[in-house]
Amino acid sequence: MGSTEPSIEEFFPEKKRVKNPFVPIGALMTAGVLTAGLISFKRGNSKLGQKLMRARVVVQGATVALMVGTASYYGDSFPKFPKFPGF
């Protein structure tokens, strides 16, 4: 009756991590456009600041799309968990 409980490693095998080099570039671009927009607002140039904030939204959306696209392209389908005896 030596029933051993399965370890967490059995359910989540080590996966190969894939890094998209464009994601950090997109994050840096987002931070740069955000900083430039905030500086232009502080200097009183609200038209330029508004354009930069809109550009930030576009760059940030593209970065998130890259992350989601990379995850869906390299990811597997969600694993089904095994049924435990007695449940």
PDB file of N, CA and C in Angstrom:
ATOM      1  N   MET A   1       0.816  -1.183   0.000  1.00  0.00           N
ATOM      2  CA  MET A   1       0.000   0.000   0.000  1.00  0.00           C
ATOM      3  C   MET A   1       0.858   1.243   0.000  1.00  0.00           C
ATOM      4  N   GLY A   2       2.018   1.158  -0.580  1.00  0.00           N
ATOM      5  CA  GLY A   2       2.926   2.292  -0.618  1.00  0.00           C
ATOM      6  C   GLY A   2       2.572   3.239  -1.758  1.00  0.00           C
ATOM      7  N   SER A   3       1.496   3.958  -1.620  1.00  0.00           N
ATOM      8  CA  SER A   3       1.060   4.910  -2.637  1.00  0.00           C
ATOM      9  C   SER A   3       1.885   6.191  -2.525  1.00  0.00           C
ATOM     10  N   THR A   4       2.529   6.536  -3.601  1.00  0.00           N
ATOM     11  CA  THR A   4       3.307   7.774  -3.591  1.00  0.00           C
ATOM     12  C   THR A   4       2.552   8.824  -4.390  1.00  0.00           C
ATOM     13  N   GLU A   5       2.576  10.016  -3.871  1.00  0.00           N
ATOM     14  CA  GLU A   5       1.917  11.108  -4.572  1.00  0.00           C
ATOM     15  C   GLU A   5       2.820  11.597  -5.697  1.00  0.00           C
ATOM     16  N   PRO A   6       2.222  11.959  -6.819  1.00  0.00           N
ATOM     17  CA  PRO A   6       3.048  12.452  -7.921  1.00  0.00           C
ATOM     18  C   PRO A   6       3.652  13.813  -7.578  1.00  0.00           C
ATOM     19  N   SER A   7       4.844  14.042  -8.081  1.00  0.00           N
ATOM     20  CA  SER A   7       5.499  15.324  -7.820  1.00  0.00           C
ATOM     21  C   SER A   7       5.027  16.353  -8.842  1.00  0.00           C
ATOM     22  N   ILE A   8       5.231  17.586  -8.511  1.00  0.00           N
ATOM     23  CA  ILE A   8       4.805  18.674  -9.396  1.00  0.00           C
ATOM     24  C   ILE A   8       5.556  18.641 -10.715  1.00  0.00           C
ATOM     25  N   GLU A   9       6.785  18.126 -10.722  1.00  0.00           N
ATOM     26  CA  GLU A   9       7.577  18.063 -11.947  1.00  0.00           C
ATOM     27  C   GLU A   9       6.958  17.127 -12.977  1.00  0.00           C
ATOM     28  N   GLU A  10       6.190  16.147 -12.518  1.00  0.00           N
ATOM     29  CA  GLU A  10       5.546  15.231 -13.455  1.00  0.00           C
ATOM     30  C   GLU A  10       4.453  15.940 -14.244  1.00  0.00           C
ATOM     31  N   PHE A  11       3.840  16.939 -13.638  1.00  0.00           N
ATOM     32  CA  PHE A  11       2.764  17.650 -14.309  1.00  0.00           C
ATOM     33  C   PHE A  11       3.279  18.772 -15.210  1.00  0.00           C
ATOM     34  N   PHE A  12       4.396  19.356 -14.852  1.00  0.00           N
ATOM     35  CA  PHE A  12       4.955  20.462 -15.609  1.00  0.00           C
ATOM     36  C   PHE A  12       6.382  20.134 -16.024  1.00  0.00           C
ATOM     37  N   PRO A  13       6.538  19.378 -17.106  1.00  0.00           N
ATOM     38  CA  PRO A  13       7.896  19.054 -17.550  1.00  0.00           C
ATOM     39  C   PRO A  13       8.613  20.328 -17.999  1.00  0.00           C
ATOM     40  N   GLU A  14       9.913  20.307 -17.902  1.00  0.00           N
ATOM     41  CA  GLU A  14      10.718  21.473 -18.269  1.00  0.00           C
ATOM     42  C   GLU A  14      10.482  21.809 -19.737  1.00  0.00           C
ATOM     43  N   LYS A  15      10.128  23.053 -19.995  1.00  0.00           N
ATOM     44  CA  LYS A  15       9.872  23.486 -21.357  1.00  0.00           C
ATOM     45  C   LYS A  15      11.021  24.368 -21.838  1.00  0.00           C
ATOM     46  N   LYS A  16      11.251  24.322 -23.104  1.00  0.00           N
ATOM     47  CA  LYS A  16      12.277  25.180 -23.695  1.00  0.00           C
ATOM     48  C   LYS A  16      11.727  26.598 -23.749  1.00  0.00           C
ATOM     49  N   ARG A  17      12.465  27.533 -23.184  1.00  0.00           N
ATOM     50  CA  ARG A  17      12.045  28.931 -23.200  1.00  0.00           C
ATOM     51  C   ARG A  17      12.511  29.560 -24.499  1.00  0.00           C
ATOM     52  N   VAL A  18      11.591  30.206 -25.164  1.00  0.00           N
ATOM     53  CA  VAL A  18      11.899  30.874 -26.422  1.00  0.00           C
ATOM     54  C   VAL A  18      11.864  32.371 -26.171  1.00  0.00           C
ATOM     55  N   LYS A  19      12.916  33.039 -26.574  1.00  0.00           N
ATOM     56  CA  LYS A  19      12.985  34.483 -26.380  1.00  0.00           C
ATOM     57  C   LYS A  19      12.894  35.175 -27.731  1.00  0.00           C
ATOM     58  N   ASN A  20      11.970  36.108 -27.826  1.00  0.00           N
ATOM     59  CA  ASN A  20      11.835  36.895 -29.035  1.00  0.00           C
ATOM     60  C   ASN A  20      12.656  38.171 -28.853  1.00  0.00           C
ATOM     61  N   PRO A  21      13.650  38.407 -29.689  1.00  0.00           N
ATOM     62  CA  PRO A  21      14.510  39.577 -29.483  1.00  0.00           C
ATOM     63  C   PRO A  21      13.786  40.905 -29.718  1.00  0.00           C
ATOM     64  N   PHE A  22      12.635  40.879 -30.369  1.00  0.00           N
ATOM     65  CA  PHE A  22      11.915  42.118 -30.634  1.00  0.00           C
ATOM     66  C   PHE A  22      11.125  42.611 -29.433  1.00  0.00           C
ATOM     67  N   VAL A  23      10.835  41.738 -28.475  1.00  0.00           N
ATOM     68  CA  VAL A  23      10.065  42.145 -27.300  1.00  0.00           C
ATOM     69  C   VAL A  23      10.846  43.137 -26.436  1.00  0.00           C
ATOM     70  N   PRO A  24      12.102  42.896 -26.078  1.00  0.00           N
ATOM     71  CA  PRO A  24      12.828  43.922 -25.318  1.00  0.00           C
ATOM     72  C   PRO A  24      13.016  45.220 -26.103  1.00  0.00           C
ATOM     73  N   ILE A  25      13.189  45.102 -27.409  1.00  0.00           N
ATOM     74  CA  ILE A  25      13.311  46.307 -28.231  1.00  0.00           C
ATOM     75  C   ILE A  25      12.010  47.105 -28.173  1.00  0.00           C
ATOM     76  N   GLY A  26      10.881  46.418 -28.270  1.00  0.00           N
ATOM     77  CA  GLY A  26       9.587  47.083 -28.177  1.00  0.00           C
ATOM     78  C   GLY A  26       9.357  47.713 -26.814  1.00  0.00           C
ATOM     79  N   ALA A  27       9.819  47.042 -25.761  1.00  0.00           N
ATOM     80  CA  ALA A  27       9.673  47.598 -24.415  1.00  0.00           C
ATOM     81  C   ALA A  27      10.515  48.868 -24.264  1.00  0.00           C
ATOM     82  N   LEU A  28      11.723  48.852 -24.803  1.00  0.00           N
ATOM     83  CA  LEU A  28      12.572  50.050 -24.748  1.00  0.00           C
ATOM     84  C   LEU A  28      11.992  51.186 -25.586  1.00  0.00           C
ATOM     85  N   MET A  29      11.427  50.846 -26.731  1.00  0.00           N
ATOM     86  CA  MET A  29      10.792  51.873 -27.559  1.00  0.00           C
ATOM     87  C   MET A  29       9.590  52.477 -26.836  1.00  0.00           C
ATOM     88  N   THR A  30       8.802  51.633 -26.185  1.00  0.00           N
ATOM     89  CA  THR A  30       7.654  52.124 -25.429  1.00  0.00           C
ATOM     90  C   THR A  30       8.102  53.073 -24.330  1.00  0.00           C
ATOM     91  N   ALA A  31       9.132  52.682 -23.597  1.00  0.00           N
ATOM     92  CA  ALA A  31       9.632  53.537 -22.518  1.00  0.00           C
ATOM     93  C   ALA A  31      10.188  54.848 -23.079  1.00  0.00           C
ATOM     94  N   GLY A  32      10.863  54.797 -24.214  1.00  0.00           N
ATOM     95  CA  GLY A  32      11.424  56.004 -24.813  1.00  0.00           C
ATOM     96  C   GLY A  32      10.348  56.973 -25.274  1.00  0.00           C
ATOM     97  N   VAL A  33       9.318  56.452 -25.939  1.00  0.00           N
ATOM     98  CA  VAL A  33       8.236  57.317 -26.408  1.00  0.00           C
ATOM     99  C   VAL A  33       7.456  57.885 -25.221  1.00  0.00           C
ATOM    100  N   LEU A  34       7.260  57.077 -24.194  1.00  0.00           N
ATOM    101  CA  LEU A  34       6.576  57.555 -22.993  1.00  0.00           C
ATOM    102  C   LEU A  34       7.364  58.685 -22.339  1.00  0.00           C
ATOM    103  N   THR A  35       8.663  58.503 -22.208  1.00  0.00           N
ATOM    104  CA  THR A  35       9.506  59.536 -21.603  1.00  0.00           C
ATOM    105  C   THR A  35       9.477  60.822 -22.432  1.00  0.00           C
ATOM    106  N   ALA A  36       9.583  60.690 -23.742  1.00  0.00           N
ATOM    107  CA  ALA A  36       9.547  61.877 -24.604  1.00  0.00           C
ATOM    108  C   ALA A  36       8.196  62.582 -24.493  1.00  0.00           C
ATOM    109  N   GLY A  37       7.123  61.819 -24.407  1.00  0.00           N
ATOM    110  CA  GLY A  37       5.801  62.425 -24.261  1.00  0.00           C
ATOM    111  C   GLY A  37       5.637  63.159 -22.948  1.00  0.00           C
ATOM    112  N   LEU A  38       6.127  62.566 -21.881  1.00  0.00           N
ATOM    113  CA  LEU A  38       6.026  63.230 -20.579  1.00  0.00           C
ATOM    114  C   LEU A  38       6.867  64.507 -20.531  1.00  0.00           C
ATOM    115  N   ILE A  39       8.044  64.458 -21.153  1.00  0.00           N
ATOM    116  CA  ILE A  39       8.900  65.649 -21.192  1.00  0.00           C
ATOM    117  C   ILE A  39       8.221  66.759 -21.993  1.00  0.00           C
ATOM    118  N   SER A  40       7.606  66.391 -23.122  1.00  0.00           N
ATOM    119  CA  SER A  40       6.953  67.424 -23.933  1.00  0.00           C
ATOM    120  C   SER A  40       5.737  68.003 -23.212  1.00  0.00           C
ATOM    121  N   PHE A  41       5.014  67.191 -22.439  1.00  0.00           N
ATOM    122  CA  PHE A  41       3.909  67.727 -21.640  1.00  0.00           C
ATOM    123  C   PHE A  41       4.438  68.702 -20.592  1.00  0.00           C
ATOM    124  N   LYS A  42       5.558  68.340 -19.968  1.00  0.00           N
ATOM    125  CA  LYS A  42       6.122  69.196 -18.930  1.00  0.00           C
ATOM    126  C   LYS A  42       6.589  70.534 -19.498  1.00  0.00           C
ATOM    127  N   ARG A  43       7.082  70.514 -20.720  1.00  0.00           N
ATOM    128  CA  ARG A  43       7.559  71.745 -21.356  1.00  0.00           C
ATOM    129  C   ARG A  43       6.414  72.575 -21.938  1.00  0.00           C
ATOM    130  N   GLY A  44       5.201  72.051 -21.907  1.00  0.00           N
ATOM    131  CA  GLY A  44       4.048  72.814 -22.378  1.00  0.00           C
ATOM    132  C   GLY A  44       3.637  72.546 -23.807  1.00  0.00           C
ATOM    133  N   ASN A  45       4.277  71.620 -24.477  1.00  0.00           N
ATOM    134  CA  ASN A  45       3.925  71.288 -25.855  1.00  0.00           C
ATOM    135  C   ASN A  45       2.924  70.131 -25.838  1.00  0.00           C
ATOM    136  N   SER A  46       1.668  70.466 -25.589  1.00  0.00           N
ATOM    137  CA  SER A  46       0.667  69.412 -25.397  1.00  0.00           C
ATOM    138  C   SER A  46       0.291  68.707 -26.700  1.00  0.00           C
ATOM    139  N   LYS A  47       0.393  69.396 -27.856  1.00  0.00           N
ATOM    140  CA  LYS A  47       0.076  68.734 -29.133  1.00  0.00           C
ATOM    141  C   LYS A  47       1.070  67.606 -29.417  1.00  0.00           C
ATOM    142  N   LEU A  48       2.354  67.909 -29.248  1.00  0.00           N
ATOM    143  CA  LEU A  48       3.375  66.888 -29.467  1.00  0.00           C
ATOM    144  C   LEU A  48       3.252  65.776 -28.419  1.00  0.00           C
ATOM    145  N   GLY A  49       2.987  66.169 -27.178  1.00  0.00           N
ATOM    146  CA  GLY A  49       2.826  65.171 -26.121  1.00  0.00           C
ATOM    147  C   GLY A  49       1.690  64.221 -26.409  1.00  0.00           C
ATOM    148  N   GLN A  50       0.577  64.753 -26.931  1.00  0.00           N
ATOM    149  CA  GLN A  50      -0.572  63.902 -27.264  1.00  0.00           C
ATOM    150  C   GLN A  50      -0.230  62.938 -28.394  1.00  0.00           C
ATOM    151  N   LYS A  51       0.493  63.424 -29.400  1.00  0.00           N
ATOM    152  CA  LYS A  51       0.899  62.546 -30.501  1.00  0.00           C
ATOM    153  C   LYS A  51       1.833  61.443 -30.000  1.00  0.00           C
ATOM    154  N   LEU A  52       2.733  61.810 -29.106  1.00  0.00           N
ATOM    155  CA  LEU A  52       3.657  60.807 -28.569  1.00  0.00           C
ATOM    156  C   LEU A  52       2.924  59.783 -27.699  1.00  0.00           C
ATOM    157  N   MET A  53       1.915  60.204 -26.967  1.00  0.00           N
ATOM    158  CA  MET A  53       1.154  59.254 -26.158  1.00  0.00           C
ATOM    159  C   MET A  53       0.373  58.286 -27.043  1.00  0.00           C
ATOM    160  N   ARG A  54      -0.129  58.794 -28.152  1.00  0.00           N
ATOM    161  CA  ARG A  54      -0.812  57.899 -29.106  1.00  0.00           C
ATOM    162  C   ARG A  54       0.179  56.923 -29.734  1.00  0.00           C
ATOM    163  N   ALA A  55       1.376  57.420 -30.044  1.00  0.00           N
ATOM    164  CA  ALA A  55       2.416  56.543 -30.586  1.00  0.00           C
ATOM    165  C   ALA A  55       2.819  55.481 -29.560  1.00  0.00           C
ATOM    166  N   ARG A  56       2.847  55.876 -28.282  1.00  0.00           N
ATOM    167  CA  ARG A  56       3.183  54.908 -27.236  1.00  0.00           C
ATOM    168  C   ARG A  56       2.171  53.779 -27.197  1.00  0.00           C
ATOM    169  N   VAL A  57       0.895  54.103 -27.336  1.00  0.00           N
ATOM    170  CA  VAL A  57      -0.138  53.070 -27.329  1.00  0.00           C
ATOM    171  C   VAL A  57       0.067  52.099 -28.489  1.00  0.00           C
ATOM    172  N   VAL A  58       0.412  52.620 -29.655  1.00  0.00           N
ATOM    173  CA  VAL A  58       0.643  51.761 -30.827  1.00  0.00           C
ATOM    174  C   VAL A  58       1.859  50.859 -30.605  1.00  0.00           C
ATOM    175  N   VAL A  59       2.957  51.431 -30.120  1.00  0.00           N
ATOM    176  CA  VAL A  59       4.181  50.648 -29.893  1.00  0.00           C
ATOM    177  C   VAL A  59       3.945  49.608 -28.800  1.00  0.00           C
ATOM    178  N   GLN A  60       3.242  50.006 -27.748  1.00  0.00           N
ATOM    179  CA  GLN A  60       2.965  49.068 -26.659  1.00  0.00           C
ATOM    180  C   GLN A  60       2.059  47.938 -27.137  1.00  0.00           C
ATOM    181  N   GLY A  61       1.068  48.251 -27.951  1.00  0.00           N
ATOM    182  CA  GLY A  61       0.193  47.214 -28.503  1.00  0.00           C
ATOM    183  C   GLY A  61       0.950  46.239 -29.393  1.00  0.00           C
ATOM    184  N   ALA A  62       1.878  46.772 -30.180  1.00  0.00           N
ATOM    185  CA  ALA A  62       2.684  45.898 -31.033  1.00  0.00           C
ATOM    186  C   ALA A  62       3.565  44.976 -30.196  1.00  0.00           C
ATOM    187  N   THR A  63       4.098  45.492 -29.108  1.00  0.00           N
ATOM    188  CA  THR A  63       4.935  44.672 -28.230  1.00  0.00           C
ATOM    189  C   THR A  63       4.115  43.552 -27.590  1.00  0.00           C
ATOM    190  N   VAL A  64       2.928  43.871 -27.123  1.00  0.00           N
ATOM    191  CA  VAL A  64       2.053  42.847 -26.530  1.00  0.00           C
ATOM    192  C   VAL A  64       1.655  41.828 -27.592  1.00  0.00           C
ATOM    193  N   ALA A  65       1.376  42.283 -28.807  1.00  0.00           N
ATOM    194  CA  ALA A  65       1.041  41.352 -29.888  1.00  0.00           C
ATOM    195  C   ALA A  65       2.210  40.417 -30.193  1.00  0.00           C
ATOM    196  N   LEU A  66       3.440  40.939 -30.129  1.00  0.00           N
ATOM    197  CA  LEU A  66       4.618  40.087 -30.326  1.00  0.00           C
ATOM    198  C   LEU A  66       4.723  39.027 -29.238  1.00  0.00           C
ATOM    199  N   MET A  67       4.455  39.423 -27.994  1.00  0.00           N
ATOM    200  CA  MET A  67       4.522  38.450 -26.892  1.00  0.00           C
ATOM    201  C   MET A  67       3.469  37.369 -27.052  1.00  0.00           C
ATOM    202  N   VAL A  68       2.249  37.767 -27.378  1.00  0.00           N
ATOM    203  CA  VAL A  68       1.171  36.791 -27.546  1.00  0.00           C
ATOM    204  C   VAL A  68       1.434  35.905 -28.752  1.00  0.00           C
ATOM    205  N   GLY A  69       1.902  36.510 -29.840  1.00  0.00           N
ATOM    206  CA  GLY A  69       2.207  35.723 -31.035  1.00  0.00           C
ATOM    207  C   GLY A  69       3.318  34.722 -30.807  1.00  0.00           C
ATOM    208  N   THR A  70       4.364  35.128 -30.106  1.00  0.00           N
ATOM    209  CA  THR A  70       5.458  34.207 -29.801  1.00  0.00           C
ATOM    210  C   THR A  70       4.979  33.074 -28.915  1.00  0.00           C
ATOM    211  N   ALA A  71       4.173  33.397 -27.918  1.00  0.00           N
ATOM    212  CA  ALA A  71       3.669  32.360 -27.010  1.00  0.00           C
ATOM    213  C   ALA A  71       2.762  31.385 -27.742  1.00  0.00           C
ATOM    214  N   SER A  72       1.912  31.886 -28.637  1.00  0.00           N
ATOM    215  CA  SER A  72       1.007  30.977 -29.336  1.00  0.00           C
ATOM    216  C   SER A  72       1.733  30.163 -30.400  1.00  0.00           C
ATOM    217  N   TYR A  73       2.762  30.738 -31.016  1.00  0.00           N
ATOM    218  CA  TYR A  73       3.488  30.012 -32.056  1.00  0.00           C
ATOM    219  C   TYR A  73       4.343  28.892 -31.466  1.00  0.00           C
ATOM    220  N   TYR A  74       5.042  29.203 -30.386  1.00  0.00           N
ATOM    221  CA  TYR A  74       5.945  28.212 -29.799  1.00  0.00           C
ATOM    222  C   TYR A  74       5.310  27.391 -28.687  1.00  0.00           C
ATOM    223  N   GLY A  75       4.146  27.774 -28.232  1.00  0.00           N
ATOM    224  CA  GLY A  75       3.514  27.078 -27.123  1.00  0.00           C
ATOM    225  C   GLY A  75       2.800  25.815 -27.571  1.00  0.00           C
ATOM    226  N   ASP A  76       2.551  24.965 -26.603  1.00  0.00           N
ATOM    227  CA  ASP A  76       1.797  23.743 -26.858  1.00  0.00           C
ATOM    228  C   ASP A  76       0.355  23.972 -26.460  1.00  0.00           C
ATOM    229  N   SER A  77      -0.483  23.021 -26.810  1.00  0.00           N
ATOM    230  CA  SER A  77      -1.856  23.111 -26.336  1.00  0.00           C
ATOM    231  C   SER A  77      -1.854  22.855 -24.830  1.00  0.00           C
ATOM    232  N   PHE A  78      -2.837  23.367 -24.160  1.00  0.00           N
ATOM    233  CA  PHE A  78      -2.896  23.250 -22.704  1.00  0.00           C
ATOM    234  C   PHE A  78      -3.002  21.781 -22.318  1.00  0.00           C
ATOM    235  N   PRO A  79      -2.121  21.296 -21.432  1.00  0.00           N
ATOM    236  CA  PRO A  79      -2.132  19.862 -21.108  1.00  0.00           C
ATOM    237  C   PRO A  79      -3.344  19.480 -20.267  1.00  0.00           C
ATOM    238  N   LYS A  80      -3.815  18.286 -20.512  1.00  0.00           N
ATOM    239  CA  LYS A  80      -4.903  17.741 -19.702  1.00  0.00           C
ATOM    240  C   LYS A  80      -4.282  17.109 -18.465  1.00  0.00           C
ATOM    241  N   PHE A  81      -4.842  17.414 -17.313  1.00  0.00           N
ATOM    242  CA  PHE A  81      -4.328  16.831 -16.089  1.00  0.00           C
ATOM    243  C   PHE A  81      -4.888  15.426 -15.919  1.00  0.00           C
ATOM    244  N   PRO A  82      -4.066  14.519 -15.451  1.00  0.00           N
ATOM    245  CA  PRO A  82      -4.530  13.140 -15.297  1.00  0.00           C
ATOM    246  C   PRO A  82      -5.542  13.034 -14.149  1.00  0.00           C
ATOM    247  N   LYS A  83      -6.398  12.060 -14.282  1.00  0.00           N
ATOM    248  CA  LYS A  83      -7.374  11.804 -13.225  1.00  0.00           C
ATOM    249  C   LYS A  83      -6.686  10.999 -12.134  1.00  0.00           C
ATOM    250  N   PHE A  84      -6.909  11.402 -10.901  1.00  0.00           N
ATOM    251  CA  PHE A  84      -6.345  10.678  -9.777  1.00  0.00           C
ATOM    252  C   PHE A  84      -7.299   9.573  -9.369  1.00  0.00           C
ATOM    253  N   PRO A  85      -6.781   8.421  -9.013  1.00  0.00           N
ATOM    254  CA  PRO A  85      -7.675   7.346  -8.564  1.00  0.00           C
ATOM    255  C   PRO A  85      -8.367   7.761  -7.265  1.00  0.00           C
ATOM    256  N   GLY A  86      -9.637   7.484  -7.213  1.00  0.00           N
ATOM    257  CA  GLY A  86     -10.403   7.799  -6.018  1.00  0.00           C
ATOM    258  C   GLY A  86     -11.081   9.149  -6.062  1.00  0.00           C
ATOM    259  N   PHE A  87     -10.882   9.908  -7.155  1.00  0.00           N
ATOM    260  CA  PHE A  87     -11.530  11.223  -7.243  1.00  0.00           C
ATOM    261  C   PHE A  87     -12.564  11.239  -8.331  1.00  0.00           C
TER     262      PHE A  87
END
